[in-house]
Amino acid sequence: MGNNGNFDFLATQALKELKNVYPHISYYVVLAYPPKIPFEHPTLYPEKVAQSPPKAAIDRRNRWMVDNSDRVVACVKYGFGGAVKYLRIAEKQGKTIYNLAAQ
């Protein structure tokens, strides 16, 4: 999961709570930029993202997450914006998708 929005924040908090109940769960926050302060959660900063220009970092991070995931959890309500872009990429790749907005 990323760390650049309310959904990312809420998902991180939910996974942290779930890990307390189910210690075998592992998760990582995938960073678009190098952290400026120590991070509370386990993180990944993919080389492909680190090598990208700052304006492309979030796009490259999001694409990296879709490419390297078996399942995608999203909250896409409308047919426009960044989230729907990556949801469509995940669909084309045949990923298992959980869209919380469709519940």
C-alpha atoms as a PDB file:
ATOM      1  CA  MET A   1       0.000   0.000   0.000  1.00  0.00           C
ATOM      2  CA  GLY A   2       1.083   3.554  -0.474  1.00  0.00           C
ATOM      3  CA  ASN A   3       1.228   6.446   1.956  1.00  0.00           C
ATOM      4  CA  ASN A   4      -0.109   9.425   0.029  1.00  0.00           C
ATOM      5  CA  GLY A   5      -3.756   9.787   0.981  1.00  0.00           C
ATOM      6  CA  ASN A   6      -6.557   9.105   3.405  1.00  0.00           C
ATOM      7  CA  PHE A   7      -7.307   5.652   1.999  1.00  0.00           C
ATOM      8  CA  ASP A   8      -3.650   4.686   2.388  1.00  0.00           C
ATOM      9  CA  PHE A   9      -3.644   5.967   5.974  1.00  0.00           C
ATOM     10  CA  LEU A  10      -6.831   4.102   6.887  1.00  0.00           C
ATOM     11  CA  ALA A  11      -5.629   0.896   5.229  1.00  0.00           C
ATOM     12  CA  THR A  12      -2.313   1.090   7.085  1.00  0.00           C
ATOM     13  CA  GLN A  13      -4.079   1.556  10.414  1.00  0.00           C
ATOM     14  CA  ALA A  14      -6.439  -1.359   9.693  1.00  0.00           C
ATOM     15  CA  LEU A  15      -3.550  -3.658   8.794  1.00  0.00           C
ATOM     16  CA  LYS A  16      -1.651  -2.633  11.913  1.00  0.00           C
ATOM     17  CA  GLU A  17      -4.671  -3.586  14.038  1.00  0.00           C
ATOM     18  CA  LEU A  18      -5.153  -6.855  12.139  1.00  0.00           C
ATOM     19  CA  LYS A  19      -1.499  -7.765  12.663  1.00  0.00           C
ATOM     20  CA  ASN A  20      -2.048  -7.451  16.428  1.00  0.00           C
ATOM     21  CA  VAL A  21      -4.818 -10.051  16.176  1.00  0.00           C
ATOM     22  CA  TYR A  22      -3.210 -12.184  13.434  1.00  0.00           C
ATOM     23  CA  PRO A  23       0.574 -11.957  13.913  1.00  0.00           C
ATOM     24  CA  HIS A  24       1.280 -14.011  10.766  1.00  0.00           C
ATOM     25  CA  ILE A  25       0.024 -11.138   8.558  1.00  0.00           C
ATOM     26  CA  SER A  26       2.750  -9.086   6.932  1.00  0.00           C
ATOM     27  CA  TYR A  27       2.382  -5.793   5.104  1.00  0.00           C
ATOM     28  CA  TYR A  28       4.580  -3.029   3.764  1.00  0.00           C
ATOM     29  CA  VAL A  29       4.022   0.624   2.977  1.00  0.00           C
ATOM     30  CA  VAL A  30       5.444   1.256  -0.479  1.00  0.00           C
ATOM     31  CA  LEU A  31       7.034   4.687  -0.552  1.00  0.00           C
ATOM     32  CA  ALA A  32       7.043   7.054  -3.519  1.00  0.00           C
ATOM     33  CA  TYR A  33       9.735   9.236  -1.921  1.00  0.00           C
ATOM     34  CA  PRO A  34      12.513   8.499   0.567  1.00  0.00           C
ATOM     35  CA  PRO A  35      11.277   8.990   4.128  1.00  0.00           C
ATOM     36  CA  LYS A  36      12.329  12.201   5.867  1.00  0.00           C
ATOM     37  CA  ILE A  37      11.622  10.774   9.319  1.00  0.00           C
ATOM     38  CA  PRO A  38      11.625   7.206  10.659  1.00  0.00           C
ATOM     39  CA  PHE A  39       8.491   5.365   9.585  1.00  0.00           C
ATOM     40  CA  GLU A  40       6.293   3.466  12.056  1.00  0.00           C
ATOM     41  CA  HIS A  41       5.410   0.683   9.591  1.00  0.00           C
ATOM     42  CA  PRO A  42       7.588  -1.662   7.539  1.00  0.00           C
ATOM     43  CA  THR A  43       8.405   0.015   4.227  1.00  0.00           C
ATOM     44  CA  LEU A  44       9.616  -0.693   0.720  1.00  0.00           C
ATOM     45  CA  TYR A  45      11.182   1.866  -1.592  1.00  0.00           C
ATOM     46  CA  PRO A  46      11.504   0.083  -4.946  1.00  0.00           C
ATOM     47  CA  GLU A  47      14.557   0.880  -7.052  1.00  0.00           C
ATOM     48  CA  LYS A  48      12.355   1.624 -10.094  1.00  0.00           C
ATOM     49  CA  VAL A  49      10.529   4.261  -8.031  1.00  0.00           C
ATOM     50  CA  ALA A  50      13.709   5.694  -6.494  1.00  0.00           C
ATOM     51  CA  GLN A  51      15.176   6.214  -9.980  1.00  0.00           C
ATOM     52  CA  SER A  52      12.144   8.111 -11.281  1.00  0.00           C
ATOM     53  CA  PRO A  53      11.824  11.899 -11.399  1.00  0.00           C
ATOM     54  CA  PRO A  54       9.815  13.283  -8.428  1.00  0.00           C
ATOM     55  CA  LYS A  55       6.805  14.184 -10.605  1.00  0.00           C
ATOM     56  CA  ALA A  56       6.535  10.555 -11.768  1.00  0.00           C
ATOM     57  CA  ALA A  57       7.240   8.905  -8.417  1.00  0.00           C
ATOM     58  CA  ILE A  58       3.642   8.321  -7.285  1.00  0.00           C
ATOM     59  CA  ASP A  59       2.623   7.009 -10.714  1.00  0.00           C
ATOM     60  CA  ARG A  60       5.609   4.632 -10.819  1.00  0.00           C
ATOM     61  CA  ARG A  61       4.987   3.516  -7.225  1.00  0.00           C
ATOM     62  CA  ASN A  62       1.315   2.787  -7.951  1.00  0.00           C
ATOM     63  CA  ARG A  63       2.177   0.853 -11.095  1.00  0.00           C
ATOM     64  CA  TRP A  64       4.856  -1.085  -9.191  1.00  0.00           C
ATOM     65  CA  MET A  65       2.289  -2.028  -6.532  1.00  0.00           C
ATOM     66  CA  VAL A  66      -0.181  -3.330  -9.134  1.00  0.00           C
ATOM     67  CA  ASP A  67       2.533  -5.218 -11.013  1.00  0.00           C
ATOM     68  CA  ASN A  68       3.805  -6.853  -7.801  1.00  0.00           C
ATOM     69  CA  SER A  69       0.488  -7.763  -6.178  1.00  0.00           C
ATOM     70  CA  ASP A  70      -1.778 -10.788  -6.416  1.00  0.00           C
ATOM     71  CA  ARG A  71      -4.755  -8.890  -4.995  1.00  0.00           C
ATOM     72  CA  VAL A  72      -5.792  -5.251  -5.163  1.00  0.00           C
ATOM     73  CA  VAL A  73      -7.919  -3.551  -2.518  1.00  0.00           C
ATOM     74  CA  ALA A  74      -9.301  -0.223  -3.700  1.00  0.00           C
ATOM     75  CA  CYS A  75     -12.048   2.251  -2.962  1.00  0.00           C
ATOM     76  CA  VAL A  76     -13.044   3.482  -6.413  1.00  0.00           C
ATOM     77  CA  LYS A  77     -16.412   5.161  -6.620  1.00  0.00           C
ATOM     78  CA  TYR A  78     -16.149   7.144  -9.853  1.00  0.00           C
ATOM     79  CA  GLY A  79     -14.841   6.385 -13.331  1.00  0.00           C
ATOM     80  CA  PHE A  80     -12.099   9.008 -13.318  1.00  0.00           C
ATOM     81  CA  GLY A  81      -8.924   9.815 -11.427  1.00  0.00           C
ATOM     82  CA  GLY A  82      -5.742   8.016 -10.477  1.00  0.00           C
ATOM     83  CA  ALA A  83      -7.308   5.202  -8.488  1.00  0.00           C
ATOM     84  CA  VAL A  84      -9.510   4.048 -11.358  1.00  0.00           C
ATOM     85  CA  LYS A  85      -6.487   4.117 -13.688  1.00  0.00           C
ATOM     86  CA  TYR A  86      -4.679   1.518 -11.580  1.00  0.00           C
ATOM     87  CA  LEU A  87      -7.846  -0.476 -10.978  1.00  0.00           C
ATOM     88  CA  ARG A  88      -8.220  -0.845 -14.759  1.00  0.00           C
ATOM     89  CA  ILE A  89      -4.566  -1.875 -15.075  1.00  0.00           C
ATOM     90  CA  ALA A  90      -5.134  -4.496 -12.370  1.00  0.00           C
ATOM     91  CA  GLU A  91      -8.239  -5.750 -14.192  1.00  0.00           C
ATOM     92  CA  LYS A  92      -6.276  -6.082 -17.448  1.00  0.00           C
ATOM     93  CA  GLN A  93      -3.607  -8.064 -15.580  1.00  0.00           C
ATOM     94  CA  GLY A  94      -6.275 -10.419 -14.192  1.00  0.00           C
ATOM     95  CA  LYS A  95      -5.674  -9.486 -10.542  1.00  0.00           C
ATOM     96  CA  THR A  96      -8.189 -10.344  -7.840  1.00  0.00           C
ATOM     97  CA  ILE A  97      -9.819  -7.013  -6.981  1.00  0.00           C
ATOM     98  CA  TYR A  98     -11.730  -5.942  -3.887  1.00  0.00           C
ATOM     99  CA  ASN A  99     -13.375  -2.585  -4.543  1.00  0.00           C
ATOM    100  CA  LEU A 100     -14.709  -1.374  -1.189  1.00  0.00           C
ATOM    101  CA  ALA A 101     -16.854   1.276  -2.900  1.00  0.00           C
ATOM    102  CA  ALA A 102     -18.780  -1.472  -4.724  1.00  0.00           C
ATOM    103  CA  GLN A 103     -19.790  -3.193  -1.466  1.00  0.00           C
END
